[in-house]
Amino acid sequence: MNKLTEVSPDRQARLRALRRQIVQAASLTTHWKEVAPLGIAGVDACLNGGVATGALHEVAAADHRSTPASIGFLLALITL
């Protein structure tokens, strides 16, 4: 890792705790009232019909090589 991507252990722990809180909050409701279908049957099926509207979503690249794909996905979501 370089200086720009290094994350301290304390910050990593805080991020893990926040992610757990988000998962817990999201699990309170299993189905969103409104979803925006992506138009790809397989993806929409995995997302219970599409991306939930009015909800917080996290999109993260698996590694630096996947960053352009994740940015493209976010840009596609903006057009919905």
PDB file of N, CA and C in Angstrom:
ATOM      1  N   MET A   1       0.834  -1.189   0.000  1.00  0.00           N
ATOM      2  CA  MET A   1       0.000   0.000   0.000  1.00  0.00           C
ATOM      3  C   MET A   1       0.872   1.243   0.000  1.00  0.00           C
ATOM      4  N   ASN A   2       0.366   2.277  -0.633  1.00  0.00           N
ATOM      5  CA  ASN A   2       1.099   3.529  -0.576  1.00  0.00           C
ATOM      6  C   ASN A   2       0.452   4.449   0.454  1.00  0.00           C
ATOM      7  N   LYS A   3       1.046   5.600   0.679  1.00  0.00           N
ATOM      8  CA  LYS A   3       0.569   6.527   1.712  1.00  0.00           C
ATOM      9  C   LYS A   3      -0.877   6.965   1.471  1.00  0.00           C
ATOM     10  N   LEU A   4      -1.307   7.030   0.207  1.00  0.00           N
ATOM     11  CA  LEU A   4      -2.656   7.486  -0.086  1.00  0.00           C
ATOM     12  C   LEU A   4      -3.711   6.436   0.237  1.00  0.00           C
ATOM     13  N   THR A   5      -3.338   5.163   0.224  1.00  0.00           N
ATOM     14  CA  THR A   5      -4.341   4.116   0.440  1.00  0.00           C
ATOM     15  C   THR A   5      -4.201   3.416   1.781  1.00  0.00           C
ATOM     16  N   GLU A   6      -3.203   3.795   2.581  1.00  0.00           N
ATOM     17  CA  GLU A   6      -3.034   3.159   3.884  1.00  0.00           C
ATOM     18  C   GLU A   6      -4.164   3.578   4.820  1.00  0.00           C
ATOM     19  N   VAL A   7      -4.696   2.614   5.531  1.00  0.00           N
ATOM     20  CA  VAL A   7      -5.759   2.877   6.499  1.00  0.00           C
ATOM     21  C   VAL A   7      -5.303   2.314   7.832  1.00  0.00           C
ATOM     22  N   SER A   8      -5.330   3.153   8.855  1.00  0.00           N
ATOM     23  CA  SER A   8      -4.865   2.728  10.171  1.00  0.00           C
ATOM     24  C   SER A   8      -5.772   1.633  10.725  1.00  0.00           C
ATOM     25  N   PRO A   9      -5.232   0.773  11.587  1.00  0.00           N
ATOM     26  CA  PRO A   9      -6.061  -0.281  12.199  1.00  0.00           C
ATOM     27  C   PRO A   9      -7.275   0.284  12.939  1.00  0.00           C
ATOM     28  N   ASP A  10      -7.108   1.435  13.590  1.00  0.00           N
ATOM     29  CA  ASP A  10      -8.231   2.055  14.299  1.00  0.00           C
ATOM     30  C   ASP A  10      -9.332   2.457  13.322  1.00  0.00           C
ATOM     31  N   ARG A  11      -8.940   3.038  12.215  1.00  0.00           N
ATOM     32  CA  ARG A  11      -9.926   3.452  11.208  1.00  0.00           C
ATOM     33  C   ARG A  11     -10.583   2.227  10.578  1.00  0.00           C
ATOM     34  N   GLN A  12      -9.815   1.165  10.349  1.00  0.00           N
ATOM     35  CA  GLN A  12     -10.393  -0.065   9.811  1.00  0.00           C
ATOM     36  C   GLN A  12     -11.442  -0.623  10.763  1.00  0.00           C
ATOM     37  N   ALA A  13     -11.158  -0.604  12.056  1.00  0.00           N
ATOM     38  CA  ALA A  13     -12.110  -1.101  13.053  1.00  0.00           C
ATOM     39  C   ALA A  13     -13.377  -0.249  13.061  1.00  0.00           C
ATOM     40  N   ARG A  14     -13.221   1.064  12.962  1.00  0.00           N
ATOM     41  CA  ARG A  14     -14.395   1.943  12.934  1.00  0.00           C
ATOM     42  C   ARG A  14     -15.230   1.702  11.686  1.00  0.00           C
ATOM     43  N   LEU A  15     -14.559   1.494  10.537  1.00  0.00           N
ATOM     44  CA  LEU A  15     -15.284   1.212   9.299  1.00  0.00           C
ATOM     45  C   LEU A  15     -16.048  -0.102   9.399  1.00  0.00           C
ATOM     46  N   ARG A  16     -15.412  -1.126   9.981  1.00  0.00           N
ATOM     47  CA  ARG A  16     -16.106  -2.411  10.165  1.00  0.00           C
ATOM     48  C   ARG A  16     -17.334  -2.238  11.052  1.00  0.00           C
ATOM     49  N   ALA A  17     -17.199  -1.466  12.121  1.00  0.00           N
ATOM     50  CA  ALA A  17     -18.329  -1.235  13.028  1.00  0.00           C
ATOM     51  C   ALA A  17     -19.460  -0.498  12.313  1.00  0.00           C
ATOM     52  N   LEU A  18     -19.114   0.502  11.515  1.00  0.00           N
ATOM     53  CA  LEU A  18     -20.134   1.236  10.766  1.00  0.00           C
ATOM     54  C   LEU A  18     -20.830   0.339   9.758  1.00  0.00           C
ATOM     55  N   ARG A  19     -20.056  -0.503   9.073  1.00  0.00           N
ATOM     56  CA  ARG A  19     -20.664  -1.428   8.107  1.00  0.00           C
ATOM     57  C   ARG A  19     -21.625  -2.389   8.800  1.00  0.00           C
ATOM     58  N   ARG A  20     -21.246  -2.867   9.993  1.00  0.00           N
ATOM     59  CA  ARG A  20     -22.154  -3.752  10.749  1.00  0.00           C
ATOM     60  C   ARG A  20     -23.443  -3.020  11.103  1.00  0.00           C
ATOM     61  N   GLN A  21     -23.321  -1.757  11.505  1.00  0.00           N
ATOM     62  CA  GLN A  21     -24.511  -0.979  11.845  1.00  0.00           C
ATOM     63  C   GLN A  21     -25.413  -0.788  10.630  1.00  0.00           C
ATOM     64  N   ILE A  22     -24.801  -0.549   9.476  1.00  0.00           N
ATOM     65  CA  ILE A  22     -25.580  -0.378   8.250  1.00  0.00           C
ATOM     66  C   ILE A  22     -26.309  -1.670   7.903  1.00  0.00           C
ATOM     67  N   VAL A  23     -25.613  -2.798   8.011  1.00  0.00           N
ATOM     68  CA  VAL A  23     -26.242  -4.091   7.725  1.00  0.00           C
ATOM     69  C   VAL A  23     -27.402  -4.332   8.679  1.00  0.00           C
ATOM     70  N   GLN A  24     -27.207  -4.037   9.951  1.00  0.00           N
ATOM     71  CA  GLN A  24     -28.282  -4.225  10.932  1.00  0.00           C
ATOM     72  C   GLN A  24     -29.473  -3.329  10.614  1.00  0.00           C
ATOM     73  N   ALA A  25     -29.207  -2.088  10.263  1.00  0.00           N
ATOM     74  CA  ALA A  25     -30.301  -1.167   9.942  1.00  0.00           C
ATOM     75  C   ALA A  25     -31.028  -1.616   8.683  1.00  0.00           C
ATOM     76  N   ALA A  26     -30.283  -2.077   7.691  1.00  0.00           N
ATOM     77  CA  ALA A  26     -30.896  -2.520   6.439  1.00  0.00           C
ATOM     78  C   ALA A  26     -31.701  -3.791   6.631  1.00  0.00           C
ATOM     79  N   SER A  27     -31.311  -4.626   7.581  1.00  0.00           N
ATOM     80  CA  SER A  27     -32.016  -5.888   7.771  1.00  0.00           C
ATOM     81  C   SER A  27     -33.347  -5.702   8.490  1.00  0.00           C
ATOM     82  N   LEU A  28     -33.625  -4.507   8.968  1.00  0.00           N
ATOM     83  CA  LEU A  28     -34.903  -4.260   9.625  1.00  0.00           C
ATOM     84  C   LEU A  28     -36.063  -4.369   8.642  1.00  0.00           C
ATOM     85  N   THR A  29     -35.796  -4.047   7.382  1.00  0.00           N
ATOM     86  CA  THR A  29     -36.810  -4.208   6.346  1.00  0.00           C
ATOM     87  C   THR A  29     -36.229  -5.102   5.269  1.00  0.00           C
ATOM     88  N   THR A  30     -36.975  -6.106   4.885  1.00  0.00           N
ATOM     89  CA  THR A  30     -36.451  -7.045   3.896  1.00  0.00           C
ATOM     90  C   THR A  30     -36.778  -6.623   2.474  1.00  0.00           C
ATOM     91  N   HIS A  31     -37.835  -5.854   2.300  1.00  0.00           N
ATOM     92  CA  HIS A  31     -38.212  -5.415   0.957  1.00  0.00           C
ATOM     93  C   HIS A  31     -38.480  -3.915   0.975  1.00  0.00           C
ATOM     94  N   TRP A  32     -37.928  -3.240   0.009  1.00  0.00           N
ATOM     95  CA  TRP A  32     -38.141  -1.806  -0.108  1.00  0.00           C
ATOM     96  C   TRP A  32     -39.433  -1.571  -0.857  1.00  0.00           C
ATOM     97  N   LYS A  33     -40.081  -0.472  -0.541  1.00  0.00           N
ATOM     98  CA  LYS A  33     -41.329  -0.143  -1.223  1.00  0.00           C
ATOM     99  C   LYS A  33     -41.083   0.145  -2.692  1.00  0.00           C
ATOM    100  N   GLU A  34     -40.012   0.845  -2.980  1.00  0.00           N
ATOM    101  CA  GLU A  34     -39.725   1.195  -4.368  1.00  0.00           C
ATOM    102  C   GLU A  34     -38.317   0.751  -4.726  1.00  0.00           C
ATOM    103  N   VAL A  35     -38.202   0.160  -5.904  1.00  0.00           N
ATOM    104  CA  VAL A  35     -36.893  -0.224  -6.418  1.00  0.00           C
ATOM    105  C   VAL A  35     -36.763   0.291  -7.841  1.00  0.00           C
ATOM    106  N   ALA A  36     -35.533   0.515  -8.254  1.00  0.00           N
ATOM    107  CA  ALA A  36     -35.235   0.917  -9.626  1.00  0.00           C
ATOM    108  C   ALA A  36     -34.590  -0.273 -10.318  1.00  0.00           C
ATOM    109  N   PRO A  37     -35.325  -0.961 -11.197  1.00  0.00           N
ATOM    110  CA  PRO A  37     -34.737  -2.106 -11.884  1.00  0.00           C
ATOM    111  C   PRO A  37     -33.589  -1.661 -12.786  1.00  0.00           C
ATOM    112  N   LEU A  38     -32.568  -2.498 -12.860  1.00  0.00           N
ATOM    113  CA  LEU A  38     -31.409  -2.185 -13.694  1.00  0.00           C
ATOM    114  C   LEU A  38     -31.591  -2.670 -15.122  1.00  0.00           C
ATOM    115  N   GLY A  39     -32.593  -3.526 -15.348  1.00  0.00           N
ATOM    116  CA  GLY A  39     -32.854  -4.013 -16.700  1.00  0.00           C
ATOM    117  C   GLY A  39     -32.059  -5.247 -17.074  1.00  0.00           C
ATOM    118  N   ILE A  40     -31.341  -5.808 -16.120  1.00  0.00           N
ATOM    119  CA  ILE A  40     -30.592  -7.049 -16.343  1.00  0.00           C
ATOM    120  C   ILE A  40     -31.219  -8.075 -15.412  1.00  0.00           C
ATOM    121  N   ALA A  41     -31.946  -9.032 -15.985  1.00  0.00           N
ATOM    122  CA  ALA A  41     -32.774  -9.947 -15.200  1.00  0.00           C
ATOM    123  C   ALA A  41     -32.012 -10.616 -14.061  1.00  0.00           C
ATOM    124  N   GLY A  42     -30.820 -11.119 -14.333  1.00  0.00           N
ATOM    125  CA  GLY A  42     -30.044 -11.806 -13.303  1.00  0.00           C
ATOM    126  C   GLY A  42     -29.659 -10.901 -12.149  1.00  0.00           C
ATOM    127  N   VAL A  43     -29.263  -9.684 -12.469  1.00  0.00           N
ATOM    128  CA  VAL A  43     -28.875  -8.728 -11.428  1.00  0.00           C
ATOM    129  C   VAL A  43     -30.105  -8.285 -10.646  1.00  0.00           C
ATOM    130  N   ASP A  44     -31.179  -7.963 -11.371  1.00  0.00           N
ATOM    131  CA  ASP A  44     -32.407  -7.540 -10.696  1.00  0.00           C
ATOM    132  C   ASP A  44     -32.937  -8.630  -9.775  1.00  0.00           C
ATOM    133  N   ALA A  45     -32.817  -9.890 -10.182  1.00  0.00           N
ATOM    134  CA  ALA A  45     -33.275 -10.999  -9.338  1.00  0.00           C
ATOM    135  C   ALA A  45     -32.476 -11.061  -8.039  1.00  0.00           C
ATOM    136  N   CYS A  46     -31.177 -10.819  -8.120  1.00  0.00           N
ATOM    137  CA  CYS A  46     -30.334 -10.827  -6.914  1.00  0.00           C
ATOM    138  C   CYS A  46     -30.651  -9.653  -5.997  1.00  0.00           C
ATOM    139  N   LEU A  47     -31.177  -8.585  -6.562  1.00  0.00           N
ATOM    140  CA  LEU A  47     -31.461  -7.373  -5.790  1.00  0.00           C
ATOM    141  C   LEU A  47     -32.946  -7.232  -5.459  1.00  0.00           C
ATOM    142  N   ASN A  48     -33.686  -8.338  -5.485  1.00  0.00           N
ATOM    143  CA  ASN A  48     -35.132  -8.301  -5.190  1.00  0.00           C
ATOM    144  C   ASN A  48     -35.876  -7.311  -6.079  1.00  0.00           C
ATOM    145  N   GLY A  49     -35.545  -7.306  -7.353  1.00  0.00           N
ATOM    146  CA  GLY A  49     -36.262  -6.469  -8.313  1.00  0.00           C
ATOM    147  C   GLY A  49     -35.511  -5.246  -8.782  1.00  0.00           C
ATOM    148  N   GLY A  50     -34.445  -4.891  -8.131  1.00  0.00           N
ATOM    149  CA  GLY A  50     -33.666  -3.722  -8.528  1.00  0.00           C
ATOM    150  C   GLY A  50     -33.014  -3.062  -7.328  1.00  0.00           C
ATOM    151  N   VAL A  51     -32.442  -1.912  -7.566  1.00  0.00           N
ATOM    152  CA  VAL A  51     -31.763  -1.153  -6.519  1.00  0.00           C
ATOM    153  C   VAL A  51     -32.815  -0.384  -5.723  1.00  0.00           C
ATOM    154  N   ALA A  52     -32.781  -0.513  -4.414  1.00  0.00           N
ATOM    155  CA  ALA A  52     -33.745   0.179  -3.561  1.00  0.00           C
ATOM    156  C   ALA A  52     -33.572   1.685  -3.688  1.00  0.00           C
ATOM    157  N   THR A  53     -34.683   2.384  -3.865  1.00  0.00           N
ATOM    158  CA  THR A  53     -34.628   3.841  -3.918  1.00  0.00           C
ATOM    159  C   THR A  53     -34.748   4.390  -2.504  1.00  0.00           C
ATOM    160  N   GLY A  54     -34.191   5.555  -2.286  1.00  0.00           N
ATOM    161  CA  GLY A  54     -34.248   6.164  -0.963  1.00  0.00           C
ATOM    162  C   GLY A  54     -33.426   5.427   0.069  1.00  0.00           C
ATOM    163  N   ALA A  55     -32.394   4.720  -0.390  1.00  0.00           N
ATOM    164  CA  ALA A  55     -31.568   3.919   0.517  1.00  0.00           C
ATOM    165  C   ALA A  55     -30.100   4.238   0.282  1.00  0.00           C
ATOM    166  N   LEU A  56     -29.300   3.961   1.267  1.00  0.00           N
ATOM    167  CA  LEU A  56     -27.861   4.137   1.166  1.00  0.00           C
ATOM    168  C   LEU A  56     -27.245   2.867   0.608  1.00  0.00           C
ATOM    169  N   HIS A  57     -26.397   3.005  -0.401  1.00  0.00           N
ATOM    170  CA  HIS A  57     -25.728   1.862  -1.009  1.00  0.00           C
ATOM    171  C   HIS A  57     -24.224   2.094  -0.994  1.00  0.00           C
ATOM    172  N   GLU A  58     -23.486   1.037  -0.795  1.00  0.00           N
ATOM    173  CA  GLU A  58     -22.026   1.111  -0.845  1.00  0.00           C
ATOM    174  C   GLU A  58     -21.554   0.346  -2.066  1.00  0.00           C
ATOM    175  N   VAL A  59     -20.750   0.988  -2.885  1.00  0.00           N
ATOM    176  CA  VAL A  59     -20.144   0.341  -4.043  1.00  0.00           C
ATOM    177  C   VAL A  59     -18.643   0.451  -3.857  1.00  0.00           C
ATOM    178  N   ALA A  60     -17.966  -0.683  -3.841  1.00  0.00           N
ATOM    179  CA  ALA A  60     -16.520  -0.691  -3.638  1.00  0.00           C
ATOM    180  C   ALA A  60     -15.875  -1.657  -4.619  1.00  0.00           C
ATOM    181  N   ALA A  61     -14.765  -1.249  -5.159  1.00  0.00           N
ATOM    182  CA  ALA A  61     -14.015  -2.113  -6.062  1.00  0.00           C
ATOM    183  C   ALA A  61     -13.272  -3.170  -5.255  1.00  0.00           C
ATOM    184  N   ALA A  62     -13.186  -4.363  -5.815  1.00  0.00           N
ATOM    185  CA  ALA A  62     -12.463  -5.446  -5.143  1.00  0.00           C
ATOM    186  C   ALA A  62     -10.975  -5.130  -5.064  1.00  0.00           C
ATOM    187  N   ASP A  63     -10.452  -4.466  -6.077  1.00  0.00           N
ATOM    188  CA  ASP A  63      -9.057  -4.038  -6.099  1.00  0.00           C
ATOM    189  C   ASP A  63      -8.943  -2.869  -7.072  1.00  0.00           C
ATOM    190  N   HIS A  64      -7.753  -2.303  -7.194  1.00  0.00           N
ATOM    191  CA  HIS A  64      -7.588  -1.107  -8.023  1.00  0.00           C
ATOM    192  C   HIS A  64      -7.929  -1.351  -9.487  1.00  0.00           C
ATOM    193  N   ARG A  65      -7.798  -2.577  -9.959  1.00  0.00           N
ATOM    194  CA  ARG A  65      -8.116  -2.863 -11.361  1.00  0.00           C
ATOM    195  C   ARG A  65      -9.616  -2.811 -11.616  1.00  0.00           C
ATOM    196  N   SER A  66     -10.411  -2.973 -10.582  1.00  0.00           N
ATOM    197  CA  SER A  66     -11.870  -2.958 -10.723  1.00  0.00           C
ATOM    198  C   SER A  66     -12.477  -1.573 -10.498  1.00  0.00           C
ATOM    199  N   THR A  67     -11.661  -0.605 -10.163  1.00  0.00           N
ATOM    200  CA  THR A  67     -12.171   0.737  -9.886  1.00  0.00           C
ATOM    201  C   THR A  67     -12.944   1.327 -11.063  1.00  0.00           C
ATOM    202  N   PRO A  68     -12.441   1.244 -12.311  1.00  0.00           N
ATOM    203  CA  PRO A  68     -13.226   1.803 -13.420  1.00  0.00           C
ATOM    204  C   PRO A  68     -14.610   1.166 -13.554  1.00  0.00           C
ATOM    205  N   ALA A  69     -14.711  -0.137 -13.322  1.00  0.00           N
ATOM    206  CA  ALA A  69     -16.014  -0.801 -13.413  1.00  0.00           C
ATOM    207  C   ALA A  69     -16.953  -0.304 -12.324  1.00  0.00           C
ATOM    208  N   SER A  70     -16.443  -0.125 -11.108  1.00  0.00           N
ATOM    209  CA  SER A  70     -17.310   0.352 -10.029  1.00  0.00           C
ATOM    210  C   SER A  70     -17.745   1.795 -10.277  1.00  0.00           C
ATOM    211  N   ILE A  71     -16.864   2.608 -10.818  1.00  0.00           N
ATOM    212  CA  ILE A  71     -17.233   3.986 -11.151  1.00  0.00           C
ATOM    213  C   ILE A  71     -18.277   3.989 -12.261  1.00  0.00           C
ATOM    214  N   GLY A  72     -18.098   3.122 -13.255  1.00  0.00           N
ATOM    215  CA  GLY A  72     -19.085   3.004 -14.328  1.00  0.00           C
ATOM    216  C   GLY A  72     -20.443   2.590 -13.798  1.00  0.00           C
ATOM    217  N   PHE A  73     -20.451   1.659 -12.848  1.00  0.00           N
ATOM    218  CA  PHE A  73     -21.707   1.223 -12.240  1.00  0.00           C
ATOM    219  C   PHE A  73     -22.382   2.385 -11.523  1.00  0.00           C
ATOM    220  N   LEU A  74     -21.607   3.155 -10.776  1.00  0.00           N
ATOM    221  CA  LEU A  74     -22.173   4.315 -10.078  1.00  0.00           C
ATOM    222  C   LEU A  74     -22.735   5.340 -11.061  1.00  0.00           C
ATOM    223  N   LEU A  75     -22.014   5.580 -12.144  1.00  0.00           N
ATOM    224  CA  LEU A  75     -22.507   6.525 -13.149  1.00  0.00           C
ATOM    225  C   LEU A  75     -23.794   6.021 -13.782  1.00  0.00           C
ATOM    226  N   ALA A  76     -23.883   4.704 -14.006  1.00  0.00           N
ATOM    227  CA  ALA A  76     -25.116   4.132 -14.553  1.00  0.00           C
ATOM    228  C   ALA A  76     -26.270   4.311 -13.574  1.00  0.00           C
ATOM    229  N   LEU A  77     -26.005   4.160 -12.278  1.00  0.00           N
ATOM    230  CA  LEU A  77     -27.059   4.345 -11.279  1.00  0.00           C
ATOM    231  C   LEU A  77     -27.578   5.775 -11.270  1.00  0.00           C
ATOM    232  N   ILE A  78     -26.692   6.712 -11.507  1.00  0.00           N
ATOM    233  CA  ILE A  78     -27.090   8.121 -11.504  1.00  0.00           C
ATOM    234  C   ILE A  78     -28.123   8.394 -12.590  1.00  0.00           C
ATOM    235  N   THR A  79     -28.057   7.660 -13.690  1.00  0.00           N
ATOM    236  CA  THR A  79     -28.976   7.905 -14.803  1.00  0.00           C
ATOM    237  C   THR A  79     -30.359   7.324 -14.569  1.00  0.00           C
ATOM    238  N   LEU A  80     -30.532   6.513 -13.522  1.00  0.00           N
ATOM    239  CA  LEU A  80     -31.853   5.907 -13.264  1.00  0.00           C
ATOM    240  C   LEU A  80     -32.854   6.936 -12.802  1.00  0.00           C
TER     241      LEU A  80
END
